Amino acid sequence: MPGTPGLLGISGLPGVAGSEGRSGITGESGADGVSGTPFTAPPEAVRATA
């Protein structure tokens, strides 16, 4: 279920999105979760958590 985790990541789970979100949203950007394309909403949260 790559699409679901990708959406969850946008909600506020950078770790989950980075792992599975990469399969649903953007290959490399999702893997790092630092790009901020799908997770453009909480960019600071991603960096703070990671």
C-alpha atoms as a PDB file:
ATOM      1  CA  MET A   1       0.000   0.000   0.000  1.00  0.00           C
ATOM      2  CA  PRO A   2       2.343   2.750  -1.178  1.00  0.00           C
ATOM      3  CA  GLY A   3      -0.370   5.339  -1.729  1.00  0.00           C
ATOM      4  CA  THR A   4      -1.759   5.126   1.788  1.00  0.00           C
ATOM      5  CA  PRO A   5       1.527   5.618   3.679  1.00  0.00           C
ATOM      6  CA  GLY A   6       2.352   8.491   1.374  1.00  0.00           C
ATOM      7  CA  LEU A   7      -0.814  10.304   2.415  1.00  0.00           C
ATOM      8  CA  LEU A   8      -0.220   9.476   6.066  1.00  0.00           C
ATOM      9  CA  GLY A   9       3.221  10.986   5.786  1.00  0.00           C
ATOM     10  CA  ILE A  10       1.672  14.313   4.751  1.00  0.00           C
ATOM     11  CA  SER A  11      -0.491  14.167   7.844  1.00  0.00           C
ATOM     12  CA  GLY A  12       2.490  14.147  10.177  1.00  0.00           C
ATOM     13  CA  LEU A  13       4.527  10.956   9.913  1.00  0.00           C
ATOM     14  CA  PRO A  14       7.799  11.823   8.164  1.00  0.00           C
ATOM     15  CA  GLY A  15       9.394   8.523   9.144  1.00  0.00           C
ATOM     16  CA  VAL A  16       6.635   6.390   7.616  1.00  0.00           C
ATOM     17  CA  ALA A  17       6.374   8.589   4.552  1.00  0.00           C
ATOM     18  CA  GLY A  18      10.102   8.443   3.961  1.00  0.00           C
ATOM     19  CA  SER A  19      10.045   4.651   4.017  1.00  0.00           C
ATOM     20  CA  GLU A  20       6.882   3.743   2.118  1.00  0.00           C
ATOM     21  CA  GLY A  21       5.829   7.154   0.851  1.00  0.00           C
ATOM     22  CA  ARG A  22       8.735   7.053  -1.625  1.00  0.00           C
ATOM     23  CA  SER A  23       6.883   4.258  -3.425  1.00  0.00           C
ATOM     24  CA  GLY A  24       3.668   6.254  -3.722  1.00  0.00           C
ATOM     25  CA  ILE A  25       4.664   9.932  -3.970  1.00  0.00           C
ATOM     26  CA  THR A  26       8.203  10.504  -5.268  1.00  0.00           C
ATOM     27  CA  GLY A  27      10.994   7.937  -5.432  1.00  0.00           C
ATOM     28  CA  GLU A  28      13.982   9.893  -4.058  1.00  0.00           C
ATOM     29  CA  SER A  29      12.226  12.847  -2.446  1.00  0.00           C
ATOM     30  CA  GLY A  30       9.948  10.535  -0.494  1.00  0.00           C
ATOM     31  CA  ALA A  31      12.852   8.373   0.620  1.00  0.00           C
ATOM     32  CA  ASP A  32      14.644  11.319   2.190  1.00  0.00           C
ATOM     33  CA  GLY A  33      11.511  13.141   3.256  1.00  0.00           C
ATOM     34  CA  VAL A  34      13.661  16.276   3.322  1.00  0.00           C
ATOM     35  CA  SER A  35      12.822  17.330  -0.236  1.00  0.00           C
ATOM     36  CA  GLY A  36       9.453  18.669   0.848  1.00  0.00           C
ATOM     37  CA  THR A  37       7.485  17.928  -2.318  1.00  0.00           C
ATOM     38  CA  PRO A  38       4.742  15.728  -0.826  1.00  0.00           C
ATOM     39  CA  PHE A  39       5.520  16.826   2.720  1.00  0.00           C
ATOM     40  CA  THR A  40       5.777  20.510   1.824  1.00  0.00           C
ATOM     41  CA  ALA A  41       3.311  21.184   4.630  1.00  0.00           C
ATOM     42  CA  PRO A  42       5.558  20.190   7.574  1.00  0.00           C
ATOM     43  CA  PRO A  43       9.124  20.790   6.291  1.00  0.00           C
ATOM     44  CA  GLU A  44      10.420  21.915   9.674  1.00  0.00           C
ATOM     45  CA  ALA A  45       8.730  18.992  11.421  1.00  0.00           C
ATOM     46  CA  VAL A  46      10.519  16.556   9.108  1.00  0.00           C
ATOM     47  CA  ARG A  47      13.902  18.084   9.902  1.00  0.00           C
ATOM     48  CA  ALA A  48      13.138  18.342  13.610  1.00  0.00           C
ATOM     49  CA  THR A  49      12.059  14.696  13.776  1.00  0.00           C
ATOM     50  CA  ALA A  50      14.880  13.469  11.575  1.00  0.00           C
END
